[in-house]
Amino acid sequence: MLWFVLTAIALAAIAAVVDYRTGTIPNWLTLGGLALGLLAHGAYGWVAVDFKAGAYEGALSLAGALFCSLAPALLFWKGGMGGGDLKLYAAIGALCHPLLGIEIQMYSLVVAALVAQARLAYEGRLFRVLGGSIALLLNPFRREEKRKAAPPETMVWFRLGPAIFAGSVLSLCVHLFVSAPQ
């Protein structure tokens, strides 16, 4: 499994560099990683054991891609995430299976939240954005005519590729150094 995780980290590293430079994550990288994960897991199970194991590994890889796409797909649909980020999460899920893929996703979103807050604090907009967030959180409890819209200047958009790479490396480090048997 370590080779699949290292492949996912390499994929995330390339995506981070390209996303940082251009603001996009190319399809050849994300869809190629998705196909590689599905095919390599199926072939690995088939070669290592038998056809049933290959089918099981392939199904687990497909489940990883689907589960790791659910929350990002909702964010993409609502305009909170780019399509390249969504496809990168799917590729990581296909390479790492559902549990590790979701773990990488969680770590990367924590990194993204910390980076976003640090960036907002550096720009002097942190408290305005937090105030707007609190207003949005309270909107469901207000009457419709009293609901407040978030001002456009409080919205934050930044490249998620580097955070996904950091989350994948952090996940590997946790598994290698923190939860490794003594």
C-alpha atoms as a PDB file:
ATOM      1  CA  MET A   1       0.000   0.000   0.000  1.00  0.00           C
ATOM      2  CA  LEU A   2       2.957   2.327   0.594  1.00  0.00           C
ATOM      3  CA  TRP A   3       3.624   2.622  -3.152  1.00  0.00           C
ATOM      4  CA  PHE A   4       0.083   3.756  -3.762  1.00  0.00           C
ATOM      5  CA  VAL A   5       0.354   6.387  -1.024  1.00  0.00           C
ATOM      6  CA  LEU A   6       3.690   7.617  -2.385  1.00  0.00           C
ATOM      7  CA  THR A   7       2.135   7.811  -5.855  1.00  0.00           C
ATOM      8  CA  ALA A   8      -0.746   9.868  -4.431  1.00  0.00           C
ATOM      9  CA  ILE A   9       1.759  12.197  -2.733  1.00  0.00           C
ATOM     10  CA  ALA A  10       3.702  12.593  -5.985  1.00  0.00           C
ATOM     11  CA  LEU A  11       0.436  13.326  -7.808  1.00  0.00           C
ATOM     12  CA  ALA A  12      -0.496  15.904  -5.161  1.00  0.00           C
ATOM     13  CA  ALA A  13       2.984  17.473  -5.352  1.00  0.00           C
ATOM     14  CA  ILE A  14       2.744  17.971  -9.104  1.00  0.00           C
ATOM     15  CA  ALA A  15      -0.807  19.298  -8.717  1.00  0.00           C
ATOM     16  CA  ALA A  16       0.352  21.699  -5.981  1.00  0.00           C
ATOM     17  CA  VAL A  17       3.101  23.173  -8.143  1.00  0.00           C
ATOM     18  CA  VAL A  18       0.872  23.507 -11.209  1.00  0.00           C
ATOM     19  CA  ASP A  19      -2.032  24.905  -9.157  1.00  0.00           C
ATOM     20  CA  TYR A  20       0.240  27.414  -7.409  1.00  0.00           C
ATOM     21  CA  ARG A  21       1.654  28.639 -10.725  1.00  0.00           C
ATOM     22  CA  THR A  22      -1.422  28.587 -12.953  1.00  0.00           C
ATOM     23  CA  GLY A  23      -4.477  28.348 -10.680  1.00  0.00           C
ATOM     24  CA  THR A  24      -5.652  25.153 -12.375  1.00  0.00           C
ATOM     25  CA  ILE A  25      -5.036  21.437 -11.958  1.00  0.00           C
ATOM     26  CA  PRO A  26      -4.928  19.750 -15.386  1.00  0.00           C
ATOM     27  CA  ASN A  27      -7.244  16.893 -16.323  1.00  0.00           C
ATOM     28  CA  TRP A  28      -4.413  14.706 -17.600  1.00  0.00           C
ATOM     29  CA  LEU A  29      -3.006  14.701 -14.076  1.00  0.00           C
ATOM     30  CA  THR A  30      -6.210  14.122 -12.110  1.00  0.00           C
ATOM     31  CA  LEU A  31      -8.004  11.766 -14.481  1.00  0.00           C
ATOM     32  CA  GLY A  32      -4.727   9.965 -15.170  1.00  0.00           C
ATOM     33  CA  GLY A  33      -4.245   9.476 -11.428  1.00  0.00           C
ATOM     34  CA  LEU A  34      -7.818   8.244 -11.096  1.00  0.00           C
ATOM     35  CA  ALA A  35      -7.370   5.708 -13.900  1.00  0.00           C
ATOM     36  CA  LEU A  36      -3.983   4.654 -12.524  1.00  0.00           C
ATOM     37  CA  GLY A  37      -5.481   4.043  -9.079  1.00  0.00           C
ATOM     38  CA  LEU A  38      -8.364   1.968 -10.403  1.00  0.00           C
ATOM     39  CA  LEU A  39      -6.268  -0.107 -12.810  1.00  0.00           C
ATOM     40  CA  ALA A  40      -3.219  -0.549 -10.569  1.00  0.00           C
ATOM     41  CA  HIS A  41      -5.249  -1.712  -7.568  1.00  0.00           C
ATOM     42  CA  GLY A  42      -7.156  -4.201  -9.720  1.00  0.00           C
ATOM     43  CA  ALA A  43      -3.953  -5.509 -11.282  1.00  0.00           C
ATOM     44  CA  TYR A  44      -2.190  -5.665  -7.917  1.00  0.00           C
ATOM     45  CA  GLY A  45      -4.938  -7.786  -6.366  1.00  0.00           C
ATOM     46  CA  TRP A  46      -5.167 -10.012  -9.419  1.00  0.00           C
ATOM     47  CA  VAL A  47      -1.408 -10.614  -9.659  1.00  0.00           C
ATOM     48  CA  ALA A  48      -0.881 -10.974  -5.909  1.00  0.00           C
ATOM     49  CA  VAL A  49      -3.774 -13.351  -5.210  1.00  0.00           C
ATOM     50  CA  ASP A  50      -6.424 -14.092  -7.833  1.00  0.00           C
ATOM     51  CA  PHE A  51      -9.229 -12.601  -9.897  1.00  0.00           C
ATOM     52  CA  LYS A  52     -11.529 -12.142  -6.881  1.00  0.00           C
ATOM     53  CA  ALA A  53      -8.866 -10.178  -5.021  1.00  0.00           C
ATOM     54  CA  GLY A  54      -8.319  -8.039  -8.109  1.00  0.00           C
ATOM     55  CA  ALA A  55     -12.034  -7.302  -8.335  1.00  0.00           C
ATOM     56  CA  TYR A  56     -12.128  -6.516  -4.614  1.00  0.00           C
ATOM     57  CA  GLU A  57      -9.127  -4.157  -4.850  1.00  0.00           C
ATOM     58  CA  GLY A  58     -10.636  -2.462  -7.891  1.00  0.00           C
ATOM     59  CA  ALA A  59     -13.995  -2.040  -6.121  1.00  0.00           C
ATOM     60  CA  LEU A  60     -12.263  -0.640  -3.037  1.00  0.00           C
ATOM     61  CA  SER A  61     -10.388   1.799  -5.232  1.00  0.00           C
ATOM     62  CA  LEU A  62     -13.636   2.876  -6.909  1.00  0.00           C
ATOM     63  CA  ALA A  63     -15.248   3.290  -3.480  1.00  0.00           C
ATOM     64  CA  GLY A  64     -12.309   5.489  -2.445  1.00  0.00           C
ATOM     65  CA  ALA A  65     -12.786   7.691  -5.481  1.00  0.00           C
ATOM     66  CA  LEU A  66     -16.524   8.005  -4.839  1.00  0.00           C
ATOM     67  CA  PHE A  67     -16.339   8.638  -1.084  1.00  0.00           C
ATOM     68  CA  CYS A  68     -13.524  11.154  -1.470  1.00  0.00           C
ATOM     69  CA  SER A  69     -15.604  12.992  -4.092  1.00  0.00           C
ATOM     70  CA  LEU A  70     -18.817  13.426  -2.098  1.00  0.00           C
ATOM     71  CA  ALA A  71     -18.015  16.480   0.049  1.00  0.00           C
ATOM     72  CA  PRO A  72     -15.828  18.161  -2.617  1.00  0.00           C
ATOM     73  CA  ALA A  73     -18.632  17.656  -5.169  1.00  0.00           C
ATOM     74  CA  LEU A  74     -21.047  19.481  -2.883  1.00  0.00           C
ATOM     75  CA  LEU A  75     -18.525  22.294  -2.407  1.00  0.00           C
ATOM     76  CA  PHE A  76     -17.931  22.453  -6.168  1.00  0.00           C
ATOM     77  CA  TRP A  77     -21.673  22.565  -6.816  1.00  0.00           C
ATOM     78  CA  LYS A  78     -22.034  25.465  -4.360  1.00  0.00           C
ATOM     79  CA  GLY A  79     -19.043  27.324  -5.862  1.00  0.00           C
ATOM     80  CA  GLY A  80     -16.720  26.735  -2.902  1.00  0.00           C
ATOM     81  CA  MET A  81     -14.128  24.583  -4.664  1.00  0.00           C
ATOM     82  CA  GLY A  82     -12.657  24.184  -8.120  1.00  0.00           C
ATOM     83  CA  GLY A  83     -13.202  21.176 -10.354  1.00  0.00           C
ATOM     84  CA  GLY A  84      -9.509  20.303 -10.403  1.00  0.00           C
ATOM     85  CA  ASP A  85      -9.499  20.008  -6.617  1.00  0.00           C
ATOM     86  CA  LEU A  86     -12.529  17.725  -6.781  1.00  0.00           C
ATOM     87  CA  LYS A  87     -10.869  15.462  -9.352  1.00  0.00           C
ATOM     88  CA  LEU A  88      -7.611  15.443  -7.379  1.00  0.00           C
ATOM     89  CA  TYR A  89      -9.492  14.223  -4.294  1.00  0.00           C
ATOM     90  CA  ALA A  90     -11.101  11.486  -6.413  1.00  0.00           C
ATOM     91  CA  ALA A  91      -7.697  10.395  -7.718  1.00  0.00           C
ATOM     92  CA  ILE A  92      -6.248  10.318  -4.201  1.00  0.00           C
ATOM     93  CA  GLY A  93      -9.233   8.261  -3.049  1.00  0.00           C
ATOM     94  CA  ALA A  94      -8.705   5.808  -5.901  1.00  0.00           C
ATOM     95  CA  LEU A  95      -5.022   5.457  -5.043  1.00  0.00           C
ATOM     96  CA  CYS A  96      -5.379   5.308  -1.248  1.00  0.00           C
ATOM     97  CA  HIS A  97      -8.804   3.634  -0.740  1.00  0.00           C
ATOM     98  CA  PRO A  98     -11.659   5.221   1.220  1.00  0.00           C
ATOM     99  CA  LEU A  99     -10.318   5.493   4.767  1.00  0.00           C
ATOM    100  CA  LEU A 100      -6.892   6.872   3.968  1.00  0.00           C
ATOM    101  CA  GLY A 101      -8.332   9.051   1.212  1.00  0.00           C
ATOM    102  CA  ILE A 102     -10.824  10.633   3.614  1.00  0.00           C
ATOM    103  CA  GLU A 103      -8.042  11.062   6.171  1.00  0.00           C
ATOM    104  CA  ILE A 104      -5.888  12.895   3.612  1.00  0.00           C
ATOM    105  CA  GLN A 105      -8.901  15.018   2.712  1.00  0.00           C
ATOM    106  CA  MET A 106      -9.481  15.900   6.365  1.00  0.00           C
ATOM    107  CA  TYR A 107      -5.845  16.870   6.943  1.00  0.00           C
ATOM    108  CA  SER A 108      -5.765  18.947   3.762  1.00  0.00           C
ATOM    109  CA  LEU A 109      -8.929  20.837   4.682  1.00  0.00           C
ATOM    110  CA  VAL A 110      -7.531  21.560   8.162  1.00  0.00           C
ATOM    111  CA  VAL A 111      -4.350  22.885   6.534  1.00  0.00           C
ATOM    112  CA  ALA A 112      -6.469  24.965   4.148  1.00  0.00           C
ATOM    113  CA  ALA A 113      -8.502  26.415   7.022  1.00  0.00           C
ATOM    114  CA  LEU A 114      -5.337  27.387   8.889  1.00  0.00           C
ATOM    115  CA  VAL A 115      -3.765  28.916   5.785  1.00  0.00           C
ATOM    116  CA  ALA A 116      -6.950  30.856   5.002  1.00  0.00           C
ATOM    117  CA  GLN A 117      -7.081  32.309   8.509  1.00  0.00           C
ATOM    118  CA  ALA A 118      -3.402  33.204   8.446  1.00  0.00           C
ATOM    119  CA  ARG A 119      -3.819  34.883   5.078  1.00  0.00           C
ATOM    120  CA  LEU A 120      -6.846  36.832   6.250  1.00  0.00           C
ATOM    121  CA  ALA A 121      -5.019  37.937   9.409  1.00  0.00           C
ATOM    122  CA  TYR A 122      -2.043  39.042   7.317  1.00  0.00           C
ATOM    123  CA  GLU A 123      -4.345  41.053   5.030  1.00  0.00           C
ATOM    124  CA  GLY A 124      -6.196  42.539   8.022  1.00  0.00           C
ATOM    125  CA  ARG A 125      -9.564  41.010   7.034  1.00  0.00           C
ATOM    126  CA  LEU A 126      -9.857  38.192   9.570  1.00  0.00           C
ATOM    127  CA  PHE A 127     -12.400  39.793  11.909  1.00  0.00           C
ATOM    128  CA  ARG A 128     -14.575  41.122   9.069  1.00  0.00           C
ATOM    129  CA  VAL A 129     -14.718  37.660   7.518  1.00  0.00           C
ATOM    130  CA  LEU A 130     -15.446  36.019  10.871  1.00  0.00           C
ATOM    131  CA  GLY A 131     -18.232  38.553  11.446  1.00  0.00           C
ATOM    132  CA  GLY A 132     -19.687  37.747   8.039  1.00  0.00           C
ATOM    133  CA  SER A 133     -19.433  34.027   8.822  1.00  0.00           C
ATOM    134  CA  ILE A 134     -21.314  34.480  12.072  1.00  0.00           C
ATOM    135  CA  ALA A 135     -24.005  36.424  10.222  1.00  0.00           C
ATOM    136  CA  LEU A 136     -24.322  33.568   7.717  1.00  0.00           C
ATOM    137  CA  LEU A 137     -24.541  31.022  10.536  1.00  0.00           C
ATOM    138  CA  LEU A 138     -27.358  32.986  12.138  1.00  0.00           C
ATOM    139  CA  ASN A 139     -29.330  33.399   8.888  1.00  0.00           C
ATOM    140  CA  PRO A 140     -31.335  30.164   9.242  1.00  0.00           C
ATOM    141  CA  PHE A 141     -32.678  31.461  12.566  1.00  0.00           C
ATOM    142  CA  ARG A 142     -33.753  34.821  11.147  1.00  0.00           C
ATOM    143  CA  ARG A 143     -36.890  35.656   9.231  1.00  0.00           C
ATOM    144  CA  GLU A 144     -36.330  35.773   5.497  1.00  0.00           C
ATOM    145  CA  GLU A 145     -36.526  39.559   5.234  1.00  0.00           C
ATOM    146  CA  LYS A 146     -33.969  39.968   8.055  1.00  0.00           C
ATOM    147  CA  ARG A 147     -31.317  37.634   6.587  1.00  0.00           C
ATOM    148  CA  LYS A 148     -27.970  39.167   5.741  1.00  0.00           C
ATOM    149  CA  ALA A 149     -25.850  38.427   2.693  1.00  0.00           C
ATOM    150  CA  ALA A 150     -22.107  38.100   3.056  1.00  0.00           C
ATOM    151  CA  PRO A 151     -20.290  41.067   1.521  1.00  0.00           C
ATOM    152  CA  PRO A 152     -18.169  40.050  -1.483  1.00  0.00           C
ATOM    153  CA  GLU A 153     -14.980  41.401   0.127  1.00  0.00           C
ATOM    154  CA  THR A 154     -15.309  38.833   2.915  1.00  0.00           C
ATOM    155  CA  MET A 155     -15.145  35.892   0.525  1.00  0.00           C
ATOM    156  CA  VAL A 156     -11.794  34.132   0.309  1.00  0.00           C
ATOM    157  CA  TRP A 157     -10.567  32.127  -2.651  1.00  0.00           C
ATOM    158  CA  PHE A 158      -7.172  30.513  -2.780  1.00  0.00           C
ATOM    159  CA  ARG A 159      -5.456  27.602  -4.445  1.00  0.00           C
ATOM    160  CA  LEU A 160      -6.162  24.331  -2.648  1.00  0.00           C
ATOM    161  CA  GLY A 161      -3.551  22.181  -4.428  1.00  0.00           C
ATOM    162  CA  PRO A 162      -0.702  23.007  -1.999  1.00  0.00           C
ATOM    163  CA  ALA A 163      -2.965  22.266   0.987  1.00  0.00           C
ATOM    164  CA  ILE A 164      -3.907  18.883  -0.511  1.00  0.00           C
ATOM    165  CA  PHE A 165      -0.212  18.071  -0.907  1.00  0.00           C
ATOM    166  CA  ALA A 166       0.497  19.158   2.693  1.00  0.00           C
ATOM    167  CA  GLY A 167      -2.414  17.030   3.935  1.00  0.00           C
ATOM    168  CA  SER A 168      -1.175  13.958   2.100  1.00  0.00           C
ATOM    169  CA  VAL A 169       2.358  14.363   3.490  1.00  0.00           C
ATOM    170  CA  LEU A 170       0.967  14.987   6.975  1.00  0.00           C
ATOM    171  CA  SER A 171      -1.131  11.826   6.756  1.00  0.00           C
ATOM    172  CA  LEU A 172       1.891   9.776   5.716  1.00  0.00           C
ATOM    173  CA  CYS A 173       3.956  11.229   8.576  1.00  0.00           C
ATOM    174  CA  VAL A 174       1.232  10.408  11.092  1.00  0.00           C
ATOM    175  CA  HIS A 175       1.128   6.807   9.881  1.00  0.00           C
ATOM    176  CA  LEU A 176       4.895   6.399   9.746  1.00  0.00           C
ATOM    177  CA  PHE A 177       5.965   8.169  12.913  1.00  0.00           C
ATOM    178  CA  VAL A 178       3.013   8.596  15.258  1.00  0.00           C
ATOM    179  CA  SER A 179       0.886   5.487  14.901  1.00  0.00           C
ATOM    180  CA  ALA A 180       3.720   3.116  13.922  1.00  0.00           C
ATOM    181  CA  PRO A 181       4.213   0.162  16.307  1.00  0.00           C
ATOM    182  CA  GLN A 182       7.030   0.707  18.799  1.00  0.00           C
END
